[in-house]
Amino acid sequence: MAAQNCWEYKKCGREKGGVKATELGVCSAFIETRVNGLNNGKNGGRTCWAVTGTLCGGKVQGTFATKLGNCTTCEFFKLVASEEGHNQVSNRDLLAKLKIT
């Protein structure tokens, strides 16, 4: 079974062509290509906690620093950590790819 991306797991409809994309916009995790393939995901689909502007609880989330606390309690974050294990890309490496300092 292929690894799920956040928009598939959360069923948010914010992927390109998704049912909520017109209303809420295409999610930044879906279009973030700098982390494509990391944690076996498409674009930012398995690194969403490091991508600015994702939606959680109906609200747009801010930067990595402001949202990480919420993200680490997310079931999808925990799923990725469990599936990737020691192969999970570190937050430091994610931020370097995204060029966030």
C-alpha atoms as a PDB file:
ATOM      1  CA  MET A   1       0.000   0.000   0.000  1.00  0.00           C
ATOM      2  CA  ALA A   2       1.363   3.401  -0.971  1.00  0.00           C
ATOM      3  CA  ALA A   3       2.020   5.988   1.715  1.00  0.00           C
ATOM      4  CA  GLN A   4      -0.867   8.416   2.108  1.00  0.00           C
ATOM      5  CA  ASN A   5      -0.375  12.147   1.763  1.00  0.00           C
ATOM      6  CA  CYS A   6      -2.006  14.476   4.280  1.00  0.00           C
ATOM      7  CA  TRP A   7      -4.836  15.520   1.936  1.00  0.00           C
ATOM      8  CA  GLU A   8      -5.700  11.859   1.348  1.00  0.00           C
ATOM      9  CA  TYR A   9      -5.565  10.965   5.035  1.00  0.00           C
ATOM     10  CA  LYS A  10      -7.433  14.063   6.234  1.00  0.00           C
ATOM     11  CA  LYS A  11      -9.833  14.096   3.264  1.00  0.00           C
ATOM     12  CA  CYS A  12      -9.708  17.897   3.328  1.00  0.00           C
ATOM     13  CA  GLY A  13     -10.475  18.324  -0.376  1.00  0.00           C
ATOM     14  CA  ARG A  14      -7.788  20.981  -0.798  1.00  0.00           C
ATOM     15  CA  GLU A  15      -5.694  19.083  -3.331  1.00  0.00           C
ATOM     16  CA  LYS A  16      -5.751  20.350  -6.919  1.00  0.00           C
ATOM     17  CA  GLY A  17      -9.206  19.507  -8.250  1.00  0.00           C
ATOM     18  CA  GLY A  18     -10.457  18.684  -4.739  1.00  0.00           C
ATOM     19  CA  VAL A  19     -13.977  19.493  -3.594  1.00  0.00           C
ATOM     20  CA  LYS A  20     -12.806  22.370  -1.344  1.00  0.00           C
ATOM     21  CA  ALA A  21     -10.019  23.721  -3.569  1.00  0.00           C
ATOM     22  CA  THR A  22     -12.179  26.433  -5.161  1.00  0.00           C
ATOM     23  CA  GLU A  23     -13.673  27.547  -1.856  1.00  0.00           C
ATOM     24  CA  LEU A  24     -10.541  27.365   0.339  1.00  0.00           C
ATOM     25  CA  GLY A  25      -7.722  27.293  -2.208  1.00  0.00           C
ATOM     26  CA  VAL A  26      -5.256  24.553  -3.038  1.00  0.00           C
ATOM     27  CA  CYS A  27      -3.279  23.625   0.068  1.00  0.00           C
ATOM     28  CA  SER A  28       0.308  24.773   0.288  1.00  0.00           C
ATOM     29  CA  ALA A  29       1.358  21.199   1.176  1.00  0.00           C
ATOM     30  CA  PHE A  30      -0.052  19.997  -2.157  1.00  0.00           C
ATOM     31  CA  ILE A  31       1.913  22.549  -4.189  1.00  0.00           C
ATOM     32  CA  GLU A  32       5.168  22.629  -2.172  1.00  0.00           C
ATOM     33  CA  THR A  33       7.627  20.881  -4.509  1.00  0.00           C
ATOM     34  CA  ARG A  34      10.885  21.486  -2.604  1.00  0.00           C
ATOM     35  CA  VAL A  35      10.129  18.531  -0.336  1.00  0.00           C
ATOM     36  CA  ASN A  36       8.711  16.232  -3.015  1.00  0.00           C
ATOM     37  CA  GLY A  37       9.479  12.604  -2.241  1.00  0.00           C
ATOM     38  CA  LEU A  38      10.509  13.165   1.367  1.00  0.00           C
ATOM     39  CA  ASN A  39       8.962  10.648   3.764  1.00  0.00           C
ATOM     40  CA  ASN A  40       7.663   8.935   0.598  1.00  0.00           C
ATOM     41  CA  GLY A  41       5.164  11.707  -0.086  1.00  0.00           C
ATOM     42  CA  LYS A  42       4.068  13.807  -3.026  1.00  0.00           C
ATOM     43  CA  ASN A  43       5.227  17.407  -2.688  1.00  0.00           C
ATOM     44  CA  GLY A  44       4.600  18.406   0.960  1.00  0.00           C
ATOM     45  CA  GLY A  45       2.076  15.646   1.546  1.00  0.00           C
ATOM     46  CA  ARG A  46       4.123  13.855   4.206  1.00  0.00           C
ATOM     47  CA  THR A  47       5.937  16.892   5.558  1.00  0.00           C
ATOM     48  CA  CYS A  48       2.922  19.176   6.027  1.00  0.00           C
ATOM     49  CA  TRP A  49       3.999  20.193   9.546  1.00  0.00           C
ATOM     50  CA  ALA A  50       6.951  22.067   8.039  1.00  0.00           C
ATOM     51  CA  VAL A  51       4.941  23.775   5.280  1.00  0.00           C
ATOM     52  CA  THR A  52       3.560  27.235   6.019  1.00  0.00           C
ATOM     53  CA  GLY A  53      -0.109  27.927   5.357  1.00  0.00           C
ATOM     54  CA  THR A  54      -1.664  24.490   5.734  1.00  0.00           C
ATOM     55  CA  LEU A  55      -5.184  24.247   7.133  1.00  0.00           C
ATOM     56  CA  CYS A  56      -5.997  22.557  10.418  1.00  0.00           C
ATOM     57  CA  GLY A  57      -9.220  22.715  12.354  1.00  0.00           C
ATOM     58  CA  GLY A  58     -10.642  25.038   9.728  1.00  0.00           C
ATOM     59  CA  LYS A  59      -7.918  27.630  10.286  1.00  0.00           C
ATOM     60  CA  VAL A  60      -4.859  28.483   8.253  1.00  0.00           C
ATOM     61  CA  GLN A  61      -1.739  27.593  10.190  1.00  0.00           C
ATOM     62  CA  GLY A  62       1.317  29.817  10.280  1.00  0.00           C
ATOM     63  CA  THR A  63       5.006  29.092  10.196  1.00  0.00           C
ATOM     64  CA  PHE A  64       6.777  25.934  11.286  1.00  0.00           C
ATOM     65  CA  ALA A  65       7.703  27.508  14.625  1.00  0.00           C
ATOM     66  CA  THR A  66       4.134  28.514  15.448  1.00  0.00           C
ATOM     67  CA  LYS A  67       2.404  25.330  14.359  1.00  0.00           C
ATOM     68  CA  LEU A  68       4.784  22.507  15.302  1.00  0.00           C
ATOM     69  CA  GLY A  69       3.310  22.089  18.789  1.00  0.00           C
ATOM     70  CA  ASN A  70      -0.133  21.433  17.321  1.00  0.00           C
ATOM     71  CA  CYS A  71       1.238  19.257  14.549  1.00  0.00           C
ATOM     72  CA  THR A  72       3.097  16.871  16.841  1.00  0.00           C
ATOM     73  CA  THR A  73      -0.232  15.878  18.407  1.00  0.00           C
ATOM     74  CA  CYS A  74      -1.842  15.270  14.994  1.00  0.00           C
ATOM     75  CA  GLU A  75      -2.751  11.663  14.123  1.00  0.00           C
ATOM     76  CA  PHE A  76      -1.289  12.086  10.637  1.00  0.00           C
ATOM     77  CA  PHE A  77       2.043  13.334  12.017  1.00  0.00           C
ATOM     78  CA  LYS A  78       2.131  10.298  14.309  1.00  0.00           C
ATOM     79  CA  LEU A  79       1.263   7.991  11.395  1.00  0.00           C
ATOM     80  CA  VAL A  80       4.144   9.317   9.292  1.00  0.00           C
ATOM     81  CA  ALA A  81       6.536   8.959  12.226  1.00  0.00           C
ATOM     82  CA  SER A  82       5.384   5.382  12.766  1.00  0.00           C
ATOM     83  CA  GLU A  83       5.557   4.412   9.098  1.00  0.00           C
ATOM     84  CA  GLU A  84       8.898   6.072   8.395  1.00  0.00           C
ATOM     85  CA  GLY A  85      10.603   5.177  11.683  1.00  0.00           C
ATOM     86  CA  HIS A  86      14.323   5.929  11.610  1.00  0.00           C
ATOM     87  CA  ASN A  87      14.008   6.907   7.935  1.00  0.00           C
ATOM     88  CA  GLN A  88      11.781   9.897   8.707  1.00  0.00           C
ATOM     89  CA  VAL A  89      13.383  13.089   7.462  1.00  0.00           C
ATOM     90  CA  SER A  90      14.410  15.278  10.383  1.00  0.00           C
ATOM     91  CA  ASN A  91      12.827  18.666  10.919  1.00  0.00           C
ATOM     92  CA  ARG A  92      16.263  20.214  10.476  1.00  0.00           C
ATOM     93  CA  ASP A  93      16.581  18.634   7.016  1.00  0.00           C
ATOM     94  CA  LEU A  94      13.019  19.644   6.116  1.00  0.00           C
ATOM     95  CA  LEU A  95      13.696  23.246   7.038  1.00  0.00           C
ATOM     96  CA  ALA A  96      16.932  23.211   5.038  1.00  0.00           C
ATOM     97  CA  LYS A  97      15.031  21.979   1.964  1.00  0.00           C
ATOM     98  CA  LEU A  98      12.456  24.703   2.504  1.00  0.00           C
ATOM     99  CA  LYS A  99      15.271  27.175   3.197  1.00  0.00           C
ATOM    100  CA  ILE A 100      13.702  28.292   6.465  1.00  0.00           C
ATOM    101  CA  THR A 101      16.091  29.601   9.083  1.00  0.00           C
END
